[in-house]
Amino acid sequence: MKSNVMNKNQLHSQIAHSYPSYRKFFALIDAKSALCFWENYPSPEHVKETSPEKIYETIKPSIRR
């Protein structure tokens, strides 16, 4: 449990550096859709190079219905 909290805090630190307002988009930093986003778009430069539609198509399979 302790290592899970440490890993989540480390992820928050790394994500907050690149995406300071990430909480506006992902309520849970470790949700499947958020993790899929971080994996595919590790920095804002990656987001700038694609369209919102492409981002949605990338994370769509990880969104619960």
PDB file of N, CA and C in Angstrom:
ATOM      1  N   MET A   1       0.825  -1.187   0.000  1.00  0.00           N
ATOM      2  CA  MET A   1       0.000   0.000   0.000  1.00  0.00           C
ATOM      3  C   MET A   1       0.876   1.260   0.000  1.00  0.00           C
ATOM      4  N   LYS A   2       1.909   1.247   0.839  1.00  0.00           N
ATOM      5  CA  LYS A   2       2.793   2.402   0.946  1.00  0.00           C
ATOM      6  C   LYS A   2       3.480   2.691  -0.389  1.00  0.00           C
ATOM      7  N   SER A   3       3.909   1.649  -1.087  1.00  0.00           N
ATOM      8  CA  SER A   3       4.585   1.862  -2.370  1.00  0.00           C
ATOM      9  C   SER A   3       3.602   2.377  -3.424  1.00  0.00           C
ATOM     10  N   ASN A   4       2.330   1.969  -3.346  1.00  0.00           N
ATOM     11  CA  ASN A   4       1.327   2.493  -4.272  1.00  0.00           C
ATOM     12  C   ASN A   4       1.147   3.993  -4.094  1.00  0.00           C
ATOM     13  N   VAL A   5       1.103   4.433  -2.862  1.00  0.00           N
ATOM     14  CA  VAL A   5       0.964   5.860  -2.564  1.00  0.00           C
ATOM     15  C   VAL A   5       2.199   6.612  -3.043  1.00  0.00           C
ATOM     16  N   MET A   6       3.361   6.050  -2.810  1.00  0.00           N
ATOM     17  CA  MET A   6       4.606   6.688  -3.262  1.00  0.00           C
ATOM     18  C   MET A   6       4.624   6.797  -4.782  1.00  0.00           C
ATOM     19  N   ASN A   7       4.215   5.735  -5.468  1.00  0.00           N
ATOM     20  CA  ASN A   7       4.195   5.757  -6.937  1.00  0.00           C
ATOM     21  C   ASN A   7       3.199   6.780  -7.460  1.00  0.00           C
ATOM     22  N   LYS A   8       2.046   6.849  -6.832  1.00  0.00           N
ATOM     23  CA  LYS A   8       1.031   7.817  -7.255  1.00  0.00           C
ATOM     24  C   LYS A   8       1.522   9.245  -7.028  1.00  0.00           C
ATOM     25  N   ASN A   9       2.180   9.495  -5.917  1.00  0.00           N
ATOM     26  CA  ASN A   9       2.739  10.827  -5.642  1.00  0.00           C
ATOM     27  C   ASN A   9       3.832  11.186  -6.643  1.00  0.00           C
ATOM     28  N   GLN A  10       4.639  10.216  -6.990  1.00  0.00           N
ATOM     29  CA  GLN A  10       5.691  10.462  -7.981  1.00  0.00           C
ATOM     30  C   GLN A  10       5.073  10.766  -9.349  1.00  0.00           C
ATOM     31  N   LEU A  11       4.047  10.013  -9.718  1.00  0.00           N
ATOM     32  CA  LEU A  11       3.350  10.269 -10.982  1.00  0.00           C
ATOM     33  C   LEU A  11       2.766  11.672 -10.980  1.00  0.00           C
ATOM     34  N   HIS A  12       2.137  12.063  -9.875  1.00  0.00           N
ATOM     35  CA  HIS A  12       1.585  13.415  -9.768  1.00  0.00           C
ATOM     36  C   HIS A  12       2.669  14.468  -9.983  1.00  0.00           C
ATOM     37  N   SER A  13       3.812  14.302  -9.356  1.00  0.00           N
ATOM     38  CA  SER A  13       4.904  15.272  -9.490  1.00  0.00           C
ATOM     39  C   SER A  13       5.365  15.393 -10.940  1.00  0.00           C
ATOM     40  N   GLN A  14       5.509  14.273 -11.599  1.00  0.00           N
ATOM     41  CA  GLN A  14       5.970  14.280 -12.986  1.00  0.00           C
ATOM     42  C   GLN A  14       4.922  14.868 -13.926  1.00  0.00           C
ATOM     43  N   ILE A  15       3.665  14.481 -13.731  1.00  0.00           N
ATOM     44  CA  ILE A  15       2.592  14.981 -14.588  1.00  0.00           C
ATOM     45  C   ILE A  15       2.367  16.472 -14.355  1.00  0.00           C
ATOM     46  N   ALA A  16       2.353  16.897 -13.105  1.00  0.00           N
ATOM     47  CA  ALA A  16       2.102  18.299 -12.776  1.00  0.00           C
ATOM     48  C   ALA A  16       3.168  19.216 -13.369  1.00  0.00           C
ATOM     49  N   HIS A  17       4.366  18.696 -13.545  1.00  0.00           N
ATOM     50  CA  HIS A  17       5.432  19.496 -14.158  1.00  0.00           C
ATOM     51  C   HIS A  17       5.093  19.818 -15.615  1.00  0.00           C
ATOM     52  N   SER A  18       4.627  18.825 -16.367  1.00  0.00           N
ATOM     53  CA  SER A  18       4.302  19.022 -17.779  1.00  0.00           C
ATOM     54  C   SER A  18       2.888  19.551 -18.001  1.00  0.00           C
ATOM     55  N   TYR A  19       1.963  19.105 -17.156  1.00  0.00           N
ATOM     56  CA  TYR A  19       0.558  19.489 -17.282  1.00  0.00           C
ATOM     57  C   TYR A  19       0.059  20.044 -15.946  1.00  0.00           C
ATOM     58  N   PRO A  20       0.371  21.292 -15.627  1.00  0.00           N
ATOM     59  CA  PRO A  20       0.004  21.850 -14.325  1.00  0.00           C
ATOM     60  C   PRO A  20      -1.496  21.820 -14.023  1.00  0.00           C
ATOM     61  N   SER A  21      -2.332  21.878 -15.029  1.00  0.00           N
ATOM     62  CA  SER A  21      -3.783  21.896 -14.788  1.00  0.00           C
ATOM     63  C   SER A  21      -4.441  20.571 -15.173  1.00  0.00           C
ATOM     64  N   TYR A  22      -3.710  19.481 -15.042  1.00  0.00           N
ATOM     65  CA  TYR A  22      -4.243  18.189 -15.468  1.00  0.00           C
ATOM     66  C   TYR A  22      -5.523  17.801 -14.734  1.00  0.00           C
ATOM     67  N   ARG A  23      -5.730  18.289 -13.535  1.00  0.00           N
ATOM     68  CA  ARG A  23      -6.920  17.922 -12.753  1.00  0.00           C
ATOM     69  C   ARG A  23      -8.207  18.455 -13.379  1.00  0.00           C
ATOM     70  N   LYS A  24      -8.098  19.435 -14.261  1.00  0.00           N
ATOM     71  CA  LYS A  24      -9.284  19.928 -14.966  1.00  0.00           C
ATOM     72  C   LYS A  24      -9.779  18.889 -15.970  1.00  0.00           C
ATOM     73  N   PHE A  25      -8.885  18.004 -16.395  1.00  0.00           N
ATOM     74  CA  PHE A  25      -9.227  17.019 -17.414  1.00  0.00           C
ATOM     75  C   PHE A  25      -9.403  15.612 -16.851  1.00  0.00           C
ATOM     76  N   PHE A  26      -8.637  15.275 -15.830  1.00  0.00           N
ATOM     77  CA  PHE A  26      -8.688  13.945 -15.247  1.00  0.00           C
ATOM     78  C   PHE A  26      -8.845  14.056 -13.733  1.00  0.00           C
ATOM     79  N   ALA A  27      -9.999  13.632 -13.237  1.00  0.00           N
ATOM     80  CA  ALA A  27     -10.243  13.678 -11.799  1.00  0.00           C
ATOM     81  C   ALA A  27      -9.345  12.688 -11.063  1.00  0.00           C
ATOM     82  N   LEU A  28      -9.093  11.551 -11.701  1.00  0.00           N
ATOM     83  CA  LEU A  28      -8.240  10.520 -11.105  1.00  0.00           C
ATOM     84  C   LEU A  28      -6.972  10.380 -11.941  1.00  0.00           C
ATOM     85  N   ILE A  29      -5.861  10.658 -11.340  1.00  0.00           N
ATOM     86  CA  ILE A  29      -4.585  10.614 -12.055  1.00  0.00           C
ATOM     87  C   ILE A  29      -4.241   9.212 -12.545  1.00  0.00           C
ATOM     88  N   ASP A  30      -4.776   8.201 -11.859  1.00  0.00           N
ATOM     89  CA  ASP A  30      -4.456   6.825 -12.227  1.00  0.00           C
ATOM     90  C   ASP A  30      -5.620   6.077 -12.877  1.00  0.00           C
ATOM     91  N   ALA A  31      -6.594   6.828 -13.397  1.00  0.00           N
ATOM     92  CA  ALA A  31      -7.688   6.207 -14.144  1.00  0.00           C
ATOM     93  C   ALA A  31      -7.139   5.651 -15.461  1.00  0.00           C
ATOM     94  N   LYS A  32      -7.804   4.647 -16.012  1.00  0.00           N
ATOM     95  CA  LYS A  32      -7.321   4.034 -17.252  1.00  0.00           C
ATOM     96  C   LYS A  32      -7.193   5.047 -18.380  1.00  0.00           C
ATOM     97  N   SER A  33      -8.166   5.932 -18.504  1.00  0.00           N
ATOM     98  CA  SER A  33      -8.104   6.931 -19.578  1.00  0.00           C
ATOM     99  C   SER A  33      -6.954   7.912 -19.361  1.00  0.00           C
ATOM    100  N   ALA A  34      -6.728   8.303 -18.114  1.00  0.00           N
ATOM    101  CA  ALA A  34      -5.620   9.217 -17.812  1.00  0.00           C
ATOM    102  C   ALA A  34      -4.280   8.545 -18.090  1.00  0.00           C
ATOM    103  N   LEU A  35      -4.121   7.306 -17.648  1.00  0.00           N
ATOM    104  CA  LEU A  35      -2.863   6.593 -17.885  1.00  0.00           C
ATOM    105  C   LEU A  35      -2.604   6.400 -19.370  1.00  0.00           C
ATOM    106  N   CYS A  36      -3.666   6.118 -20.117  1.00  0.00           N
ATOM    107  CA  CYS A  36      -3.533   5.992 -21.573  1.00  0.00           C
ATOM    108  C   CYS A  36      -3.077   7.325 -22.172  1.00  0.00           C
ATOM    109  N   PHE A  37      -3.665   8.420 -21.705  1.00  0.00           N
ATOM    110  CA  PHE A  37      -3.275   9.747 -22.188  1.00  0.00           C
ATOM    111  C   PHE A  37      -1.816  10.028 -21.879  1.00  0.00           C
ATOM    112  N   TRP A  38      -1.391   9.809 -20.621  1.00  0.00           N
ATOM    113  CA  TRP A  38       0.004  10.102 -20.230  1.00  0.00           C
ATOM    114  C   TRP A  38       0.978   9.272 -21.060  1.00  0.00           C
ATOM    115  N   GLU A  39       0.612   8.026 -21.325  1.00  0.00           N
ATOM    116  CA  GLU A  39       1.499   7.149 -22.091  1.00  0.00           C
ATOM    117  C   GLU A  39       1.673   7.642 -23.528  1.00  0.00           C
ATOM    118  N   ASN A  40       0.592   8.121 -24.127  1.00  0.00           N
ATOM    119  CA  ASN A  40       0.632   8.546 -25.519  1.00  0.00           C
ATOM    120  C   ASN A  40       1.017  10.008 -25.718  1.00  0.00           C
ATOM    121  N   TYR A  41       0.804  10.814 -24.704  1.00  0.00           N
ATOM    122  CA  TYR A  41       1.088  12.253 -24.793  1.00  0.00           C
ATOM    123  C   TYR A  41       1.866  12.694 -23.545  1.00  0.00           C
ATOM    124  N   PRO A  42       3.119  12.289 -23.435  1.00  0.00           N
ATOM    125  CA  PRO A  42       3.900  12.565 -22.234  1.00  0.00           C
ATOM    126  C   PRO A  42       4.250  14.036 -22.021  1.00  0.00           C
ATOM    127  N   SER A  43       4.069  14.857 -23.052  1.00  0.00           N
ATOM    128  CA  SER A  43       4.340  16.283 -22.894  1.00  0.00           C
ATOM    129  C   SER A  43       3.370  17.079 -23.765  1.00  0.00           C
ATOM    130  N   PRO A  44       3.172  18.345 -23.455  1.00  0.00           N
ATOM    131  CA  PRO A  44       2.256  19.170 -24.245  1.00  0.00           C
ATOM    132  C   PRO A  44       2.631  19.247 -25.728  1.00  0.00           C
ATOM    133  N   GLU A  45       3.892  19.093 -26.043  1.00  0.00           N
ATOM    134  CA  GLU A  45       4.310  19.124 -27.444  1.00  0.00           C
ATOM    135  C   GLU A  45       3.634  18.012 -28.246  1.00  0.00           C
ATOM    136  N   HIS A  46       3.444  16.862 -27.611  1.00  0.00           N
ATOM    137  CA  HIS A  46       2.772  15.757 -28.288  1.00  0.00           C
ATOM    138  C   HIS A  46       1.301  16.085 -28.556  1.00  0.00           C
ATOM    139  N   VAL A  47       0.693  16.814 -27.635  1.00  0.00           N
ATOM    140  CA  VAL A  47      -0.709  17.196 -27.798  1.00  0.00           C
ATOM    141  C   VAL A  47      -0.842  18.217 -28.926  1.00  0.00           C
ATOM    142  N   LYS A  48       0.082  19.149 -28.982  1.00  0.00           N
ATOM    143  CA  LYS A  48       0.036  20.192 -30.017  1.00  0.00           C
ATOM    144  C   LYS A  48       0.138  19.608 -31.418  1.00  0.00           C
ATOM    145  N   GLU A  49       0.763  18.456 -31.534  1.00  0.00           N
ATOM    146  CA  GLU A  49       0.977  17.842 -32.851  1.00  0.00           C
ATOM    147  C   GLU A  49      -0.210  17.017 -33.339  1.00  0.00           C
ATOM    148  N   THR A  50      -1.295  16.993 -32.582  1.00  0.00           N
ATOM    149  CA  THR A  50      -2.439  16.169 -32.964  1.00  0.00           C
ATOM    150  C   THR A  50      -3.746  16.904 -32.734  1.00  0.00           C
ATOM    151  N   SER A  51      -4.819  16.345 -33.214  1.00  0.00           N
ATOM    152  CA  SER A  51      -6.134  16.970 -33.091  1.00  0.00           C
ATOM    153  C   SER A  51      -6.882  16.411 -31.884  1.00  0.00           C
ATOM    154  N   PRO A  52      -7.872  17.147 -31.393  1.00  0.00           N
ATOM    155  CA  PRO A  52      -8.696  16.617 -30.297  1.00  0.00           C
ATOM    156  C   PRO A  52      -9.365  15.292 -30.674  1.00  0.00           C
ATOM    157  N   GLU A  53      -9.759  15.157 -31.926  1.00  0.00           N
ATOM    158  CA  GLU A  53     -10.386  13.920 -32.378  1.00  0.00           C
ATOM    159  C   GLU A  53      -9.428  12.736 -32.279  1.00  0.00           C
ATOM    160  N   LYS A  54      -8.174  12.953 -32.637  1.00  0.00           N
ATOM    161  CA  LYS A  54      -7.173  11.893 -32.559  1.00  0.00           C
ATOM    162  C   LYS A  54      -6.906  11.527 -31.097  1.00  0.00           C
ATOM    163  N   ILE A  55      -6.844  12.505 -30.228  1.00  0.00           N
ATOM    164  CA  ILE A  55      -6.640  12.228 -28.801  1.00  0.00           C
ATOM    165  C   ILE A  55      -7.804  11.403 -28.279  1.00  0.00           C
ATOM    166  N   TYR A  56      -9.023  11.799 -28.632  1.00  0.00           N
ATOM    167  CA  TYR A  56     -10.190  11.042 -28.192  1.00  0.00           C
ATOM    168  C   TYR A  56     -10.144   9.601 -28.701  1.00  0.00           C
ATOM    169  N   GLU A  57      -9.796   9.407 -29.957  1.00  0.00           N
ATOM    170  CA  GLU A  57      -9.711   8.057 -30.521  1.00  0.00           C
ATOM    171  C   GLU A  57      -8.639   7.229 -29.804  1.00  0.00           C
ATOM    172  N   THR A  58      -7.590   7.886 -29.353  1.00  0.00           N
ATOM    173  CA  THR A  58      -6.522   7.191 -28.638  1.00  0.00           C
ATOM    174  C   THR A  58      -6.993   6.697 -27.275  1.00  0.00           C
ATOM    175  N   ILE A  59      -7.708   7.541 -26.541  1.00  0.00           N
ATOM    176  CA  ILE A  59      -8.100   7.138 -25.183  1.00  0.00           C
ATOM    177  C   ILE A  59      -9.486   6.492 -25.131  1.00  0.00           C
ATOM    178  N   LYS A  60     -10.235   6.554 -26.197  1.00  0.00           N
ATOM    179  CA  LYS A  60     -11.602   6.010 -26.231  1.00  0.00           C
ATOM    180  C   LYS A  60     -11.691   4.553 -25.732  1.00  0.00           C
ATOM    181  N   PRO A  61     -10.812   3.660 -26.159  1.00  0.00           N
ATOM    182  CA  PRO A  61     -10.918   2.271 -25.680  1.00  0.00           C
ATOM    183  C   PRO A  61     -10.756   2.112 -24.156  1.00  0.00           C
ATOM    184  N   SER A  62     -10.138   3.071 -23.521  1.00  0.00           N
ATOM    185  CA  SER A  62      -9.923   2.958 -22.072  1.00  0.00           C
ATOM    186  C   SER A  62     -11.029   3.613 -21.247  1.00  0.00           C
ATOM    187  N   ILE A  63     -11.978   4.260 -21.907  1.00  0.00           N
ATOM    188  CA  ILE A  63     -13.078   4.932 -21.210  1.00  0.00           C
ATOM    189  C   ILE A  63     -14.181   3.916 -20.933  1.00  0.00           C
ATOM    190  N   ARG A  64     -14.625   3.876 -19.685  1.00  0.00           N
ATOM    191  CA  ARG A  64     -15.704   2.970 -19.292  1.00  0.00           C
ATOM    192  C   ARG A  64     -17.030   3.443 -19.848  1.00  0.00           C
ATOM    193  N   ARG A  65     -17.857   2.509 -20.167  1.00  0.00           N
ATOM    194  CA  ARG A  65     -19.222   2.825 -20.621  1.00  0.00           C
ATOM    195  C   ARG A  65     -20.208   2.164 -19.739  1.00  0.00           C
TER     196      ARG A  65
END
